[in-house]
N, C-alpha and C. Protein backbone atom coordinates (compact mmCIF):
# COMPACT_ATOMS: atom_id res chain seq x y z
N MET A 1 -22.91 -26.36 -47.47
CA MET A 1 -23.67 -25.69 -46.44
C MET A 1 -23.07 -25.95 -45.06
N SER A 2 -22.71 -27.19 -44.78
CA SER A 2 -22.18 -27.52 -43.47
C SER A 2 -20.83 -26.84 -43.24
N SER A 3 -19.99 -26.67 -44.30
CA SER A 3 -18.70 -26.02 -44.13
C SER A 3 -18.89 -24.53 -43.82
N ILE A 4 -19.91 -23.90 -44.44
CA ILE A 4 -20.21 -22.50 -44.13
C ILE A 4 -20.66 -22.38 -42.68
N PHE A 5 -21.51 -23.33 -42.25
CA PHE A 5 -21.98 -23.33 -40.87
C PHE A 5 -20.82 -23.48 -39.89
N LYS A 6 -19.88 -24.41 -40.21
CA LYS A 6 -18.71 -24.61 -39.36
C LYS A 6 -17.86 -23.35 -39.29
N THR A 7 -17.66 -22.69 -40.44
CA THR A 7 -16.88 -21.46 -40.49
C THR A 7 -17.55 -20.38 -39.66
N LEU A 8 -18.88 -20.24 -39.83
CA LEU A 8 -19.62 -19.25 -39.05
C LEU A 8 -19.55 -19.58 -37.56
N SER A 9 -19.67 -20.88 -37.24
CA SER A 9 -19.61 -21.29 -35.84
C SER A 9 -18.26 -20.97 -35.23
N LYS A 10 -17.17 -21.23 -35.99
CA LYS A 10 -15.84 -20.91 -35.49
C LYS A 10 -15.68 -19.42 -35.29
N SER A 11 -16.21 -18.63 -36.22
CA SER A 11 -16.13 -17.17 -36.10
C SER A 11 -16.91 -16.69 -34.88
N ALA A 12 -18.11 -17.27 -34.70
CA ALA A 12 -18.94 -16.87 -33.56
C ALA A 12 -18.25 -17.23 -32.25
N VAL A 13 -17.66 -18.43 -32.17
CA VAL A 13 -16.95 -18.85 -30.96
C VAL A 13 -15.78 -17.90 -30.69
N ALA A 14 -15.03 -17.56 -31.74
CA ALA A 14 -13.89 -16.65 -31.58
C ALA A 14 -14.36 -15.28 -31.10
N ALA A 15 -15.45 -14.78 -31.67
CA ALA A 15 -15.98 -13.47 -31.26
C ALA A 15 -16.44 -13.49 -29.81
N ILE A 16 -17.10 -14.56 -29.41
CA ILE A 16 -17.56 -14.68 -28.03
C ILE A 16 -16.36 -14.75 -27.08
N ALA A 17 -15.34 -15.53 -27.46
CA ALA A 17 -14.14 -15.66 -26.62
C ALA A 17 -13.46 -14.30 -26.46
N LEU A 18 -13.36 -13.53 -27.55
CA LEU A 18 -12.74 -12.20 -27.46
C LEU A 18 -13.56 -11.27 -26.57
N THR A 19 -14.87 -11.35 -26.68
CA THR A 19 -15.74 -10.51 -25.85
C THR A 19 -15.58 -10.85 -24.38
N ILE A 20 -15.54 -12.14 -24.06
CA ILE A 20 -15.36 -12.56 -22.67
C ILE A 20 -14.00 -12.11 -22.16
N ALA A 21 -12.97 -12.29 -22.97
CA ALA A 21 -11.61 -11.88 -22.55
C ALA A 21 -11.56 -10.39 -22.31
N ALA A 22 -12.18 -9.62 -23.18
CA ALA A 22 -12.15 -8.16 -23.03
C ALA A 22 -12.92 -7.72 -21.81
N SER A 23 -14.05 -8.37 -21.53
CA SER A 23 -14.85 -7.94 -20.39
C SER A 23 -14.23 -8.37 -19.07
N SER A 24 -13.46 -9.48 -19.09
CA SER A 24 -12.85 -9.93 -17.84
C SER A 24 -11.60 -9.12 -17.50
N HIS A 25 -11.08 -8.37 -18.48
CA HIS A 25 -9.90 -7.54 -18.23
C HIS A 25 -10.37 -6.11 -17.96
N ALA A 26 -10.39 -5.76 -16.71
CA ALA A 26 -10.83 -4.42 -16.33
C ALA A 26 -9.72 -3.43 -16.60
N ALA A 27 -10.09 -2.17 -16.67
CA ALA A 27 -9.10 -1.11 -16.82
C ALA A 27 -8.26 -1.03 -15.55
N PRO A 28 -7.04 -0.53 -15.67
CA PRO A 28 -6.21 -0.43 -14.48
C PRO A 28 -6.80 0.54 -13.46
N TYR A 29 -6.48 0.29 -12.19
CA TYR A 29 -6.86 1.23 -11.14
C TYR A 29 -5.90 2.42 -11.23
N GLN A 30 -6.49 3.63 -11.30
CA GLN A 30 -5.65 4.81 -11.46
C GLN A 30 -6.06 5.96 -10.56
N ALA A 31 -7.06 5.78 -9.74
CA ALA A 31 -7.50 6.83 -8.82
C ALA A 31 -7.76 6.19 -7.47
N VAL A 32 -7.77 7.02 -6.44
CA VAL A 32 -7.95 6.52 -5.08
C VAL A 32 -9.13 7.22 -4.42
N GLN A 33 -9.97 6.43 -3.76
CA GLN A 33 -11.09 6.96 -2.99
C GLN A 33 -10.55 7.20 -1.58
N MET A 34 -10.13 8.43 -1.30
CA MET A 34 -9.42 8.74 -0.07
C MET A 34 -10.25 8.50 1.19
N ASP A 35 -11.55 8.75 1.14
CA ASP A 35 -12.37 8.57 2.34
C ASP A 35 -12.55 7.10 2.72
N LYS A 36 -12.15 6.20 1.83
CA LYS A 36 -12.23 4.77 2.14
C LYS A 36 -10.84 4.12 2.13
N SER A 37 -9.82 4.95 2.35
CA SER A 37 -8.44 4.48 2.39
C SER A 37 -7.81 4.87 3.71
N SER A 38 -6.78 4.15 4.14
CA SER A 38 -6.16 4.45 5.44
C SER A 38 -4.73 3.93 5.50
N VAL A 39 -3.94 4.59 6.36
CA VAL A 39 -2.60 4.12 6.71
C VAL A 39 -2.55 4.09 8.23
N LYS A 40 -2.35 2.90 8.79
CA LYS A 40 -2.37 2.71 10.24
C LYS A 40 -1.07 2.08 10.71
N PHE A 41 -0.84 2.12 12.00
CA PHE A 41 0.34 1.47 12.57
C PHE A 41 0.00 0.95 13.96
N SER A 42 0.77 -0.04 14.40
CA SER A 42 0.61 -0.56 15.75
C SER A 42 1.99 -0.94 16.28
N TYR A 43 2.15 -0.85 17.60
CA TYR A 43 3.43 -1.13 18.24
C TYR A 43 3.14 -1.43 19.70
N LYS A 44 4.19 -1.78 20.45
CA LYS A 44 4.02 -2.03 21.88
C LYS A 44 4.79 -1.00 22.68
N GLN A 45 4.12 -0.47 23.69
CA GLN A 45 4.75 0.46 24.62
C GLN A 45 4.62 -0.13 26.01
N MET A 46 5.77 -0.44 26.62
CA MET A 46 5.81 -1.11 27.92
C MET A 46 4.97 -2.39 27.89
N GLY A 47 5.05 -3.10 26.75
CA GLY A 47 4.37 -4.37 26.60
C GLY A 47 2.90 -4.29 26.24
N VAL A 48 2.37 -3.07 26.15
CA VAL A 48 0.94 -2.88 25.86
C VAL A 48 0.78 -2.47 24.39
N GLY A 49 -0.13 -3.13 23.69
CA GLY A 49 -0.39 -2.82 22.29
C GLY A 49 -0.99 -1.43 22.12
N MET A 50 -0.43 -0.66 21.18
CA MET A 50 -0.89 0.70 20.89
C MET A 50 -1.17 0.79 19.39
N ASP A 51 -2.15 1.62 19.04
CA ASP A 51 -2.53 1.80 17.63
C ASP A 51 -2.59 3.28 17.30
N GLY A 52 -2.37 3.58 16.03
CA GLY A 52 -2.50 4.95 15.56
C GLY A 52 -2.69 4.97 14.05
N HIS A 53 -2.81 6.16 13.50
CA HIS A 53 -2.96 6.29 12.05
C HIS A 53 -2.43 7.66 11.60
N PHE A 54 -2.32 7.81 10.30
CA PHE A 54 -1.95 9.08 9.70
C PHE A 54 -3.17 9.63 8.96
N ALA A 55 -3.50 10.87 9.24
CA ALA A 55 -4.71 11.46 8.65
C ALA A 55 -4.47 11.94 7.22
N LYS A 56 -3.22 12.26 6.87
CA LYS A 56 -2.93 12.79 5.54
C LYS A 56 -1.87 11.94 4.85
N PHE A 57 -2.23 11.47 3.65
CA PHE A 57 -1.30 10.71 2.82
C PHE A 57 -1.74 10.84 1.38
N ASN A 58 -0.80 10.67 0.47
CA ASN A 58 -1.07 10.88 -0.94
C ASN A 58 -0.60 9.67 -1.76
N PRO A 59 -1.52 8.74 -2.06
CA PRO A 59 -1.14 7.59 -2.87
C PRO A 59 -1.28 7.90 -4.36
N GLN A 60 -0.33 7.42 -5.14
CA GLN A 60 -0.39 7.48 -6.61
C GLN A 60 -0.34 6.03 -7.08
N ILE A 61 -1.27 5.66 -7.96
CA ILE A 61 -1.34 4.25 -8.33
C ILE A 61 -1.75 4.07 -9.79
N SER A 62 -1.12 3.11 -10.42
CA SER A 62 -1.54 2.59 -11.71
C SER A 62 -1.30 1.08 -11.61
N PHE A 63 -2.38 0.35 -11.34
CA PHE A 63 -2.28 -1.08 -11.05
C PHE A 63 -3.30 -1.85 -11.87
N ASP A 64 -2.81 -2.74 -12.72
CA ASP A 64 -3.66 -3.63 -13.50
C ASP A 64 -3.44 -5.04 -12.97
N PRO A 65 -4.44 -5.64 -12.30
CA PRO A 65 -4.27 -6.98 -11.73
C PRO A 65 -3.83 -8.03 -12.75
N ALA A 66 -4.17 -7.81 -14.04
CA ALA A 66 -3.78 -8.77 -15.08
C ALA A 66 -2.34 -8.55 -15.54
N LYS A 67 -1.77 -7.38 -15.26
CA LYS A 67 -0.39 -7.07 -15.67
C LYS A 67 0.34 -6.40 -14.50
N PRO A 68 0.52 -7.14 -13.40
CA PRO A 68 1.11 -6.53 -12.21
C PRO A 68 2.52 -5.99 -12.42
N GLU A 69 3.23 -6.58 -13.39
CA GLU A 69 4.61 -6.15 -13.63
C GLU A 69 4.69 -4.71 -14.14
N LEU A 70 3.59 -4.16 -14.62
CA LEU A 70 3.56 -2.78 -15.12
C LEU A 70 3.14 -1.77 -14.04
N THR A 71 2.94 -2.25 -12.83
CA THR A 71 2.46 -1.39 -11.75
C THR A 71 3.41 -0.23 -11.48
N LYS A 72 2.80 0.93 -11.28
CA LYS A 72 3.52 2.11 -10.78
C LYS A 72 2.73 2.57 -9.56
N ALA A 73 3.39 2.58 -8.40
CA ALA A 73 2.68 2.95 -7.18
C ALA A 73 3.64 3.61 -6.20
N SER A 74 3.14 4.63 -5.54
CA SER A 74 3.91 5.29 -4.49
C SER A 74 2.93 5.91 -3.51
N ILE A 75 3.43 6.20 -2.33
CA ILE A 75 2.60 6.88 -1.33
C ILE A 75 3.50 7.77 -0.49
N GLU A 76 3.05 9.00 -0.32
CA GLU A 76 3.71 9.94 0.57
C GLU A 76 2.82 10.11 1.80
N VAL A 77 3.41 9.95 2.96
CA VAL A 77 2.66 10.07 4.21
C VAL A 77 3.14 11.33 4.93
N ASP A 78 2.20 12.21 5.27
CA ASP A 78 2.50 13.43 6.01
C ASP A 78 2.68 13.05 7.49
N LEU A 79 3.93 13.04 7.95
CA LEU A 79 4.21 12.57 9.31
C LEU A 79 3.63 13.51 10.37
N LEU A 80 3.41 14.77 10.04
CA LEU A 80 2.78 15.71 10.99
C LEU A 80 1.33 15.35 11.26
N SER A 81 0.74 14.54 10.40
CA SER A 81 -0.68 14.17 10.56
C SER A 81 -0.87 12.95 11.44
N ILE A 82 0.18 12.57 12.17
CA ILE A 82 0.09 11.38 13.02
C ILE A 82 -0.96 11.55 14.11
N ASP A 83 -1.68 10.48 14.38
CA ASP A 83 -2.67 10.46 15.45
C ASP A 83 -2.42 9.19 16.26
N THR A 84 -1.81 9.37 17.42
CA THR A 84 -1.51 8.24 18.30
C THR A 84 -2.62 7.99 19.31
N GLY A 85 -3.60 8.90 19.31
CA GLY A 85 -4.65 8.82 20.32
C GLY A 85 -4.36 9.69 21.52
N SER A 86 -3.19 10.35 21.52
CA SER A 86 -2.80 11.24 22.61
C SER A 86 -2.16 12.49 22.01
N GLY A 87 -2.75 13.65 22.27
CA GLY A 87 -2.21 14.91 21.76
C GLY A 87 -0.78 15.15 22.21
N GLU A 88 -0.49 14.79 23.46
CA GLU A 88 0.86 14.96 23.99
C GLU A 88 1.86 14.08 23.24
N ALA A 89 1.49 12.84 23.00
CA ALA A 89 2.37 11.93 22.26
C ALA A 89 2.53 12.39 20.81
N ASP A 90 1.45 12.91 20.21
CA ASP A 90 1.52 13.40 18.83
C ASP A 90 2.56 14.51 18.71
N GLN A 91 2.59 15.42 19.70
CA GLN A 91 3.55 16.51 19.68
C GLN A 91 4.97 16.00 19.88
N GLU A 92 5.13 14.99 20.72
CA GLU A 92 6.47 14.47 20.98
C GLU A 92 7.05 13.74 19.79
N VAL A 93 6.26 12.92 19.10
CA VAL A 93 6.83 12.08 18.03
C VAL A 93 7.19 12.86 16.77
N VAL A 94 6.73 14.09 16.63
CA VAL A 94 7.14 14.88 15.47
C VAL A 94 8.46 15.61 15.73
N GLY A 95 8.96 15.55 16.97
CA GLY A 95 10.21 16.21 17.35
C GLY A 95 11.44 15.49 16.83
N LYS A 96 12.59 16.10 17.07
CA LYS A 96 13.86 15.63 16.52
C LYS A 96 14.21 14.19 16.88
N PRO A 97 14.03 13.73 18.12
CA PRO A 97 14.41 12.34 18.42
C PRO A 97 13.57 11.29 17.67
N TRP A 98 12.35 11.66 17.30
CA TRP A 98 11.46 10.69 16.66
C TRP A 98 11.44 10.91 15.14
N PHE A 99 10.44 11.60 14.61
CA PHE A 99 10.35 11.79 13.15
C PHE A 99 11.14 13.01 12.64
N ASN A 100 11.42 13.97 13.51
CA ASN A 100 12.12 15.18 13.10
C ASN A 100 11.46 15.78 11.85
N THR A 101 10.16 16.06 11.98
CA THR A 101 9.38 16.50 10.82
C THR A 101 9.81 17.85 10.26
N SER A 102 10.50 18.67 11.06
CA SER A 102 10.97 19.95 10.51
C SER A 102 11.99 19.70 9.41
N ALA A 103 12.76 18.63 9.49
CA ALA A 103 13.73 18.28 8.45
C ALA A 103 13.21 17.22 7.49
N PHE A 104 12.36 16.32 8.00
CA PHE A 104 11.87 15.19 7.19
C PHE A 104 10.35 15.07 7.35
N PRO A 105 9.58 15.91 6.65
CA PRO A 105 8.13 15.95 6.88
C PRO A 105 7.34 14.76 6.34
N LYS A 106 7.95 13.97 5.45
CA LYS A 106 7.19 12.89 4.82
C LYS A 106 7.93 11.55 4.88
N ALA A 107 7.14 10.49 4.94
CA ALA A 107 7.64 9.13 4.69
C ALA A 107 7.20 8.79 3.27
N ILE A 108 8.06 8.15 2.51
CA ILE A 108 7.74 7.87 1.11
C ILE A 108 8.02 6.40 0.80
N PHE A 109 7.00 5.74 0.23
CA PHE A 109 7.16 4.37 -0.26
C PHE A 109 7.01 4.38 -1.78
N VAL A 110 7.93 3.69 -2.47
CA VAL A 110 7.85 3.55 -3.93
C VAL A 110 7.97 2.06 -4.26
N ALA A 111 6.97 1.54 -4.97
CA ALA A 111 6.99 0.13 -5.40
C ALA A 111 8.01 -0.03 -6.53
N LYS A 112 8.80 -1.10 -6.46
CA LYS A 112 9.79 -1.37 -7.50
C LYS A 112 9.43 -2.60 -8.32
N GLN A 113 8.78 -3.56 -7.68
CA GLN A 113 8.43 -4.80 -8.39
C GLN A 113 7.15 -5.37 -7.78
N VAL A 114 6.23 -5.80 -8.66
CA VAL A 114 4.98 -6.42 -8.22
C VAL A 114 4.77 -7.67 -9.05
N LYS A 115 4.53 -8.80 -8.37
CA LYS A 115 4.25 -10.03 -9.11
C LYS A 115 3.15 -10.81 -8.40
N GLN A 116 2.34 -11.49 -9.19
CA GLN A 116 1.24 -12.28 -8.63
C GLN A 116 1.79 -13.57 -8.05
N THR A 117 1.32 -13.94 -6.85
CA THR A 117 1.76 -15.17 -6.21
C THR A 117 0.61 -16.14 -5.97
N ALA A 118 -0.63 -15.66 -6.06
CA ALA A 118 -1.84 -16.49 -5.87
C ALA A 118 -3.00 -15.68 -6.42
N PRO A 119 -4.19 -16.28 -6.56
CA PRO A 119 -5.32 -15.50 -7.03
C PRO A 119 -5.57 -14.30 -6.10
N ASN A 120 -5.56 -13.11 -6.68
CA ASN A 120 -5.79 -11.84 -5.96
C ASN A 120 -4.76 -11.55 -4.87
N VAL A 121 -3.57 -12.15 -4.98
CA VAL A 121 -2.48 -11.87 -4.03
C VAL A 121 -1.22 -11.55 -4.84
N TYR A 122 -0.55 -10.48 -4.46
CA TYR A 122 0.63 -10.00 -5.18
C TYR A 122 1.75 -9.72 -4.19
N GLU A 123 2.97 -10.08 -4.58
CA GLU A 123 4.13 -9.74 -3.76
C GLU A 123 4.67 -8.39 -4.25
N VAL A 124 4.78 -7.46 -3.32
CA VAL A 124 5.28 -6.13 -3.65
C VAL A 124 6.64 -5.94 -3.00
N GLN A 125 7.59 -5.48 -3.80
CA GLN A 125 8.90 -5.10 -3.27
C GLN A 125 9.11 -3.63 -3.59
N GLY A 126 9.61 -2.90 -2.61
CA GLY A 126 9.80 -1.48 -2.83
C GLY A 126 10.75 -0.88 -1.83
N SER A 127 10.80 0.43 -1.82
CA SER A 127 11.71 1.17 -0.95
C SER A 127 10.90 2.12 -0.07
N LEU A 128 11.18 2.10 1.23
CA LEU A 128 10.54 3.00 2.18
C LEU A 128 11.60 3.95 2.72
N SER A 129 11.33 5.25 2.61
CA SER A 129 12.25 6.28 3.11
C SER A 129 11.59 7.05 4.24
N ILE A 130 12.27 7.07 5.38
CA ILE A 130 11.83 7.83 6.55
C ILE A 130 13.07 8.49 7.14
N LYS A 131 12.96 9.76 7.43
CA LYS A 131 14.04 10.47 8.11
C LYS A 131 15.36 10.39 7.35
N GLY A 132 15.28 10.44 6.03
CA GLY A 132 16.47 10.42 5.20
C GLY A 132 17.12 9.07 5.04
N ARG A 133 16.50 8.02 5.56
CA ARG A 133 17.03 6.66 5.44
C ARG A 133 16.07 5.81 4.62
N SER A 134 16.62 5.05 3.70
CA SER A 134 15.79 4.18 2.84
C SER A 134 16.12 2.72 3.10
N ARG A 135 15.08 1.91 3.15
CA ARG A 135 15.24 0.47 3.33
C ARG A 135 14.29 -0.24 2.37
N ASP A 136 14.70 -1.43 1.92
CA ASP A 136 13.83 -2.26 1.09
C ASP A 136 12.79 -2.92 1.97
N VAL A 137 11.57 -2.97 1.48
CA VAL A 137 10.49 -3.68 2.18
C VAL A 137 9.78 -4.59 1.18
N LYS A 138 9.20 -5.66 1.72
CA LYS A 138 8.45 -6.61 0.90
C LYS A 138 7.21 -7.01 1.67
N PHE A 139 6.08 -7.09 0.96
CA PHE A 139 4.83 -7.49 1.62
C PHE A 139 3.87 -8.06 0.60
N ASP A 140 2.85 -8.76 1.11
CA ASP A 140 1.77 -9.28 0.26
C ASP A 140 0.68 -8.22 0.14
N LEU A 141 0.25 -8.01 -1.08
CA LEU A 141 -0.86 -7.10 -1.37
C LEU A 141 -2.06 -7.95 -1.74
N LYS A 142 -3.16 -7.76 -1.04
CA LYS A 142 -4.39 -8.51 -1.34
C LYS A 142 -5.32 -7.60 -2.12
N HIS A 143 -5.91 -8.15 -3.17
CA HIS A 143 -6.81 -7.40 -4.05
C HIS A 143 -8.21 -7.97 -3.94
N ASN A 144 -9.15 -7.14 -3.52
CA ASN A 144 -10.55 -7.55 -3.42
C ASN A 144 -11.34 -6.75 -4.45
N PRO A 145 -11.58 -7.32 -5.66
CA PRO A 145 -12.29 -6.58 -6.70
C PRO A 145 -13.77 -6.46 -6.38
N GLN A 146 -14.30 -5.26 -6.60
CA GLN A 146 -15.73 -4.99 -6.38
C GLN A 146 -16.23 -4.12 -7.52
N GLY A 147 -16.37 -4.73 -8.70
CA GLY A 147 -16.78 -3.97 -9.88
C GLY A 147 -15.66 -3.07 -10.34
N LYS A 148 -15.94 -1.76 -10.44
CA LYS A 148 -14.91 -0.80 -10.86
C LYS A 148 -14.03 -0.34 -9.71
N VAL A 149 -14.30 -0.90 -8.53
CA VAL A 149 -13.53 -0.56 -7.34
C VAL A 149 -12.70 -1.78 -6.93
N GLY A 150 -11.50 -1.53 -6.48
CA GLY A 150 -10.66 -2.60 -5.95
C GLY A 150 -10.13 -2.18 -4.59
N VAL A 151 -10.31 -3.02 -3.59
CA VAL A 151 -9.78 -2.73 -2.26
C VAL A 151 -8.44 -3.46 -2.14
N LEU A 152 -7.38 -2.68 -1.95
CA LEU A 152 -6.02 -3.21 -1.86
C LEU A 152 -5.55 -3.09 -0.42
N THR A 153 -5.16 -4.20 0.18
CA THR A 153 -4.74 -4.19 1.58
C THR A 153 -3.40 -4.89 1.73
N GLY A 154 -2.67 -4.48 2.75
CA GLY A 154 -1.39 -5.11 3.03
C GLY A 154 -0.82 -4.60 4.33
N SER A 155 0.24 -5.27 4.79
CA SER A 155 0.92 -4.82 6.01
C SER A 155 2.35 -5.34 6.00
N PHE A 156 3.21 -4.67 6.73
CA PHE A 156 4.58 -5.12 6.90
C PHE A 156 5.09 -4.59 8.23
N THR A 157 6.16 -5.20 8.70
CA THR A 157 6.77 -4.78 9.97
C THR A 157 8.09 -4.09 9.67
N LEU A 158 8.25 -2.91 10.26
CA LEU A 158 9.53 -2.21 10.14
C LEU A 158 10.17 -2.13 11.53
N GLN A 159 11.48 -2.00 11.54
CA GLN A 159 12.20 -1.79 12.79
C GLN A 159 12.52 -0.30 12.86
N ARG A 160 12.01 0.36 13.88
CA ARG A 160 12.16 1.81 13.96
C ARG A 160 13.62 2.23 14.04
N ALA A 161 14.48 1.37 14.59
CA ALA A 161 15.91 1.69 14.68
C ALA A 161 16.55 1.83 13.29
N ASP A 162 16.03 1.11 12.29
CA ASP A 162 16.56 1.21 10.93
C ASP A 162 16.40 2.62 10.37
N TYR A 163 15.44 3.36 10.91
CA TYR A 163 15.14 4.71 10.40
C TYR A 163 15.48 5.79 11.44
N ALA A 164 16.16 5.42 12.51
CA ALA A 164 16.51 6.35 13.60
C ALA A 164 15.25 7.02 14.17
N ILE A 165 14.17 6.25 14.27
CA ILE A 165 12.93 6.76 14.89
C ILE A 165 13.04 6.45 16.38
N GLY A 166 13.32 7.46 17.16
CA GLY A 166 13.56 7.28 18.58
C GLY A 166 15.06 7.28 18.85
N GLU A 167 15.65 8.46 18.91
CA GLU A 167 17.10 8.57 19.14
C GLU A 167 17.38 8.88 20.60
N GLY A 168 18.66 8.83 20.95
CA GLY A 168 19.06 9.12 22.33
C GLY A 168 18.52 8.08 23.28
N SER A 169 17.90 8.56 24.37
CA SER A 169 17.38 7.63 25.38
C SER A 169 16.25 6.76 24.82
N TRP A 170 15.63 7.20 23.72
CA TRP A 170 14.55 6.41 23.10
C TRP A 170 15.07 5.32 22.17
N SER A 171 16.39 5.24 21.97
CA SER A 171 16.91 4.22 21.06
C SER A 171 16.88 2.82 21.67
N LYS A 172 16.66 2.74 22.97
CA LYS A 172 16.48 1.43 23.61
C LYS A 172 15.04 0.98 23.39
N PHE A 173 14.81 -0.29 23.57
CA PHE A 173 13.48 -0.85 23.28
C PHE A 173 12.74 -1.28 24.53
N ASP A 174 13.19 -0.81 25.70
CA ASP A 174 12.53 -1.22 26.94
C ASP A 174 11.18 -0.54 27.14
N VAL A 175 11.03 0.68 26.61
CA VAL A 175 9.74 1.38 26.73
C VAL A 175 8.92 1.21 25.46
N VAL A 176 9.52 1.58 24.31
CA VAL A 176 8.83 1.45 23.02
C VAL A 176 9.54 0.38 22.19
N ALA A 177 8.80 -0.64 21.78
CA ALA A 177 9.39 -1.76 21.04
C ALA A 177 9.97 -1.31 19.70
N ASN A 178 10.90 -2.09 19.19
CA ASN A 178 11.54 -1.79 17.91
C ASN A 178 10.59 -2.06 16.74
N ASP A 179 9.78 -3.11 16.84
CA ASP A 179 8.89 -3.50 15.75
C ASP A 179 7.66 -2.59 15.69
N VAL A 180 7.38 -2.10 14.48
CA VAL A 180 6.17 -1.31 14.23
C VAL A 180 5.48 -1.94 13.02
N VAL A 181 4.23 -2.32 13.18
CA VAL A 181 3.46 -2.91 12.08
C VAL A 181 2.71 -1.80 11.37
N VAL A 182 2.98 -1.65 10.09
CA VAL A 182 2.30 -0.66 9.26
C VAL A 182 1.29 -1.40 8.40
N SER A 183 0.05 -0.95 8.41
CA SER A 183 -0.99 -1.58 7.58
C SER A 183 -1.72 -0.50 6.80
N PHE A 184 -2.23 -0.89 5.66
CA PHE A 184 -2.92 0.10 4.81
C PHE A 184 -4.09 -0.54 4.09
N GLN A 185 -5.01 0.33 3.72
CA GLN A 185 -6.10 -0.03 2.82
C GLN A 185 -6.21 1.08 1.80
N ILE A 186 -6.09 0.73 0.54
CA ILE A 186 -6.26 1.70 -0.55
C ILE A 186 -7.47 1.25 -1.35
N THR A 187 -8.49 2.07 -1.39
CA THR A 187 -9.66 1.78 -2.21
C THR A 187 -9.46 2.51 -3.54
N ALA A 188 -9.22 1.70 -4.59
CA ALA A 188 -8.83 2.24 -5.88
C ALA A 188 -9.96 2.13 -6.89
N LEU A 189 -9.97 3.05 -7.84
CA LEU A 189 -11.00 3.11 -8.87
C LEU A 189 -10.35 2.94 -10.23
N THR A 190 -11.06 2.29 -11.15
CA THR A 190 -10.54 2.13 -12.51
C THR A 190 -10.61 3.47 -13.23
N GLY A 191 -9.83 3.55 -14.30
CA GLY A 191 -9.82 4.77 -15.09
C GLY A 191 -11.05 4.93 -15.95
N LYS A 192 -11.89 3.89 -16.06
CA LYS A 192 -13.10 3.94 -16.91
C LYS A 192 -14.20 4.72 -16.25
C-alpha cells in the first residue's frame, strides 16, 4: 500500500510540476498594441535639449522571454511622420541634407541576436539602416510582463554623421549635436 501511495505521490508531484512549468511559460509576443507604443528621439540644438517622435512605424515581433535566442523582430519607421514640435523643422528634416525621404523614406532596424543578461533584461544586437547606410547597434531591452501583455522598452545613442543625417553646412556639430538618443516602447501581446 505504501509503495502505491509513493508512486501516486511521485506522479502527482510530476503532474503539478509540469502544470506549473507550462503555466509559467507564456506564449510568445506576436502582436503590437500600436496606441500604447512609441518611437521617440532626443538631441541637443545649440546646447538645448530637444525632443520629438515618429507618428508612423511598423514593428514586427516574435519574442518569447523564455527563449530569447529565437526572437525575430524588426521595425520600419516612416521618416516623413517625424514630429519635432515645429512644422518648419519637420519640413526641413525630410529634405535632402537630412533624411532625404524622397530617396530613403524609411529607417529600418532588424534584430540579429537577443540574449538574456538579467531577470527581464535582454541584450539586443541588430542593424539599423538610415539613408542607405547600415550600422550595428546594441542596447538593453527591458521586459515588463503584465499578464498577456508585455511592455518592451529600450534606448540607444546613434551618431547622425554615421548615417549622413545633416549634410553640407549641417555636417558640423556646433548647431545640432552628433548624438541622437532613440528610445522606444513596444506594448506587445501574446499570440493566445
